[in-house]
Amino acid sequence: MADKISVLIPEEKLCERIREIARQIEEDFQGEPVHLIGILKGSVFFLCELAKSLSLPVTIDFIQVSSYGDGMKSSGVVRISKDTDEGLVGKNTIVVEDIVDSGRTLSYLLKLLKERKPKSLKLCTLLDKPSRRVVDVDVDYVGFQIPDKFVVGFGLDFAQKYRNLPYIGVVEPGGTE
């Protein structure tokens, strides 16, 4: 049986909010360059749209870190499988994430990146699920706060499926699509 997916946030609303976040970042950095670090794989769609919306000088890097595997719940074990390619010393760094859930992964990652001496370190997430937080994480830029539902699309996956959906949808395994 296919998974049932219902639209939570349509594509147009996503793109509009990403442009608003870009304006906030431009206001905060006043023309200074920013270094975006996308957390693979989920942030790729959001990072690309955000970068295209920024009028500041932008550099991009990626890190792959996870605590999910193929399940719907965080395993609690943080694993880095790809580190950044560039150093962060003296750079205005913005970590770009698809969703902040428990906070475990990001708390670990932000601590690690702070040790690399960036000029500034900010966190930007497309989705925030504060009801699931078990570790406090300061999020500087939030696209949308969402309820405690398992979501897919716009880079977010369920067992590597549905990343390419142009919207954010709620998935219910075993339903009919």
Protein backbone atom coordinates (compact mmCIF):
# COMPACT_ATOMS: atom_id res chain seq x y z
CA MET A 1 0.00 0.00 0.00
CA ALA A 2 1.18 3.54 -0.73
CA ASP A 3 1.57 6.17 1.99
CA LYS A 4 -1.19 8.75 2.34
CA ILE A 5 0.16 12.33 2.14
CA SER A 6 -1.86 15.46 2.80
CA VAL A 7 -0.59 18.99 2.09
CA LEU A 8 0.35 20.93 5.22
CA ILE A 9 2.21 23.88 3.63
CA PRO A 10 1.76 24.54 -0.11
CA GLU A 11 4.69 25.44 -2.38
CA GLU A 12 3.66 29.09 -2.83
CA LYS A 13 3.56 29.66 0.94
CA LEU A 14 6.99 28.00 1.33
CA CYS A 15 8.59 30.22 -1.32
CA GLU A 16 7.03 33.38 0.11
CA ARG A 17 8.28 32.61 3.63
CA ILE A 18 11.79 31.79 2.35
CA ARG A 19 11.96 35.23 0.71
CA GLU A 20 10.92 36.80 4.04
CA ILE A 21 13.68 34.90 5.87
CA ALA A 22 16.19 36.10 3.26
CA ARG A 23 15.14 39.71 3.95
CA GLN A 24 15.68 39.14 7.70
CA ILE A 25 19.16 37.74 7.07
CA GLU A 26 20.05 40.65 4.77
CA GLU A 27 18.92 43.09 7.44
CA ASP A 28 20.95 41.31 10.13
CA PHE A 29 24.17 41.09 8.08
CA GLN A 30 23.99 44.49 6.33
CA GLY A 31 25.82 43.49 3.14
CA GLU A 32 28.44 41.26 4.80
CA PRO A 33 29.07 37.84 3.22
CA VAL A 34 27.36 34.81 4.73
CA HIS A 35 28.51 31.19 4.67
CA LEU A 36 25.59 28.78 4.51
CA ILE A 37 26.12 25.24 5.79
CA GLY A 38 23.36 22.92 4.67
CA ILE A 39 22.69 19.80 6.66
CA LEU A 40 22.41 16.96 4.16
CA LYS A 41 20.22 15.70 2.75
CA GLY A 42 17.03 17.36 3.90
CA SER A 43 18.10 21.00 3.76
CA VAL A 44 19.15 21.03 0.09
CA PHE A 45 15.85 22.32 -1.36
CA PHE A 46 15.51 24.98 1.36
CA LEU A 47 19.18 26.03 1.15
CA CYS A 48 19.00 26.47 -2.64
CA GLU A 49 15.85 28.60 -2.48
CA LEU A 50 17.27 30.65 0.41
CA ALA A 51 20.59 31.25 -1.37
CA LYS A 52 18.78 32.36 -4.56
CA SER A 53 16.72 34.82 -2.49
CA LEU A 54 19.72 36.47 -0.81
CA SER A 55 21.35 39.55 -2.31
CA LEU A 56 24.38 39.23 0.02
CA PRO A 57 27.59 37.51 -1.08
CA VAL A 58 26.99 33.81 -0.30
CA THR A 59 29.25 30.76 -0.02
CA ILE A 60 27.85 27.29 0.52
CA ASP A 61 29.10 24.16 2.21
CA PHE A 62 27.48 20.97 3.49
CA ILE A 63 27.68 18.63 6.44
CA GLN A 64 25.89 15.32 6.82
CA VAL A 65 24.75 14.48 10.30
CA SER A 66 21.79 12.46 11.45
CA SER A 67 20.00 10.75 14.28
CA TYR A 68 17.15 9.18 12.31
CA GLY A 69 18.24 6.41 9.93
CA ASP A 70 15.17 5.12 8.11
CA GLY A 71 12.72 5.52 11.00
CA MET A 72 10.15 8.13 11.95
CA LYS A 73 11.65 8.85 15.39
CA SER A 74 15.10 10.13 16.36
CA SER A 75 17.48 7.41 17.49
CA GLY A 76 19.23 9.87 19.82
CA VAL A 77 22.65 8.86 18.43
CA VAL A 78 24.28 11.67 16.42
CA ARG A 79 26.53 10.63 13.56
CA ILE A 80 28.62 12.83 11.21
CA SER A 81 29.17 11.09 7.89
CA LYS A 82 30.39 14.11 5.88
CA ASP A 83 32.13 17.13 7.38
CA THR A 84 32.40 20.60 5.87
CA ASP A 85 35.01 21.21 3.18
CA GLU A 86 35.93 24.75 4.25
CA GLY A 87 37.06 26.30 7.51
CA LEU A 88 34.77 28.66 9.43
CA VAL A 89 37.26 31.01 11.10
CA GLY A 90 36.01 34.59 10.81
CA LYS A 91 32.94 33.73 8.69
CA ASN A 92 29.33 34.75 9.29
CA THR A 93 28.01 31.20 9.37
CA ILE A 94 24.38 30.15 9.08
CA VAL A 95 23.50 26.50 9.61
CA VAL A 96 20.55 25.67 7.35
CA GLU A 97 18.33 22.83 8.52
CA ASP A 98 15.11 21.34 7.19
CA ILE A 99 13.47 20.69 10.59
CA VAL A 100 14.30 21.16 14.27
CA ASP A 101 12.74 18.35 16.24
CA SER A 102 14.30 16.98 19.46
CA GLY A 103 17.24 19.41 19.25
CA ARG A 104 19.82 16.70 20.01
CA THR A 105 21.48 16.71 16.61
CA LEU A 106 21.62 20.49 16.31
CA SER A 107 22.83 21.02 19.86
CA TYR A 108 25.74 18.69 19.16
CA LEU A 109 26.45 20.21 15.74
CA LEU A 110 26.30 23.86 16.89
CA LYS A 111 28.73 23.10 19.72
CA LEU A 112 31.11 21.47 17.23
CA LEU A 113 30.89 24.37 14.74
CA LYS A 114 31.32 27.03 17.44
CA GLU A 115 34.71 25.49 18.27
CA ARG A 116 35.78 26.33 14.69
CA LYS A 117 35.69 30.06 15.53
CA PRO A 118 33.20 31.58 13.06
CA LYS A 119 32.63 35.34 13.26
CA SER A 120 28.99 34.55 14.01
CA LEU A 121 26.95 31.35 14.12
CA LYS A 122 23.21 31.37 13.44
CA LEU A 123 20.65 28.62 12.93
CA CYS A 124 18.00 28.79 10.21
CA THR A 125 15.32 26.13 9.87
CA LEU A 126 12.44 25.73 7.48
CA LEU A 127 10.34 23.87 10.04
CA ASP A 128 10.29 23.92 13.82
CA LYS A 129 8.53 21.31 15.95
CA PRO A 130 8.97 22.76 19.48
CA SER A 131 6.61 20.23 21.09
CA ARG A 132 9.25 17.52 20.46
CA ARG A 133 12.22 19.42 21.93
CA VAL A 134 14.28 17.56 24.53
CA VAL A 135 17.39 19.78 24.22
CA ASP A 136 17.15 23.58 24.12
CA VAL A 137 18.34 25.04 20.82
CA ASP A 138 18.21 28.72 19.89
CA VAL A 139 16.79 29.06 16.40
CA ASP A 140 17.49 32.45 14.80
CA TYR A 141 15.34 32.09 11.67
CA VAL A 142 12.22 29.92 11.53
CA GLY A 143 10.09 29.30 8.48
CA PHE A 144 7.10 27.62 10.11
CA GLN A 145 6.22 26.08 13.45
CA ILE A 146 4.40 22.83 12.85
CA PRO A 147 2.45 20.32 14.95
CA ASP A 148 3.86 16.97 16.04
CA LYS A 149 3.21 15.21 12.72
CA PHE A 150 5.67 13.34 10.52
CA VAL A 151 6.25 15.54 7.46
CA VAL A 152 7.81 15.04 4.04
CA GLY A 153 8.52 17.06 0.92
CA PHE A 154 10.72 20.01 0.00
CA GLY A 155 13.73 17.91 1.00
CA LEU A 156 12.27 16.00 3.94
CA ASP A 157 11.94 12.26 3.50
CA PHE A 158 10.41 9.08 4.82
CA ALA A 159 12.93 6.26 4.25
CA GLN A 160 14.49 8.37 1.43
CA LYS A 161 11.14 8.85 -0.37
CA TYR A 162 9.13 12.03 -1.04
CA ARG A 163 12.01 14.57 -0.87
CA ASN A 164 11.02 15.87 -4.31
CA LEU A 165 7.49 16.92 -3.36
CA PRO A 166 7.20 20.70 -3.92
CA TYR A 167 5.20 21.16 -0.70
CA ILE A 168 5.33 20.03 2.93
CA GLY A 169 2.98 17.13 3.51
CA VAL A 170 1.95 14.97 6.45
CA VAL A 171 2.61 11.28 5.81
CA GLU A 172 0.60 8.42 7.21
CA PRO A 173 2.30 5.09 6.40
CA GLY A 174 0.13 2.43 4.79
CA GLY A 175 -2.68 4.74 3.60
CA THR A 176 -3.50 5.36 -0.03
CA GLU A 177 -1.92 8.23 -1.90
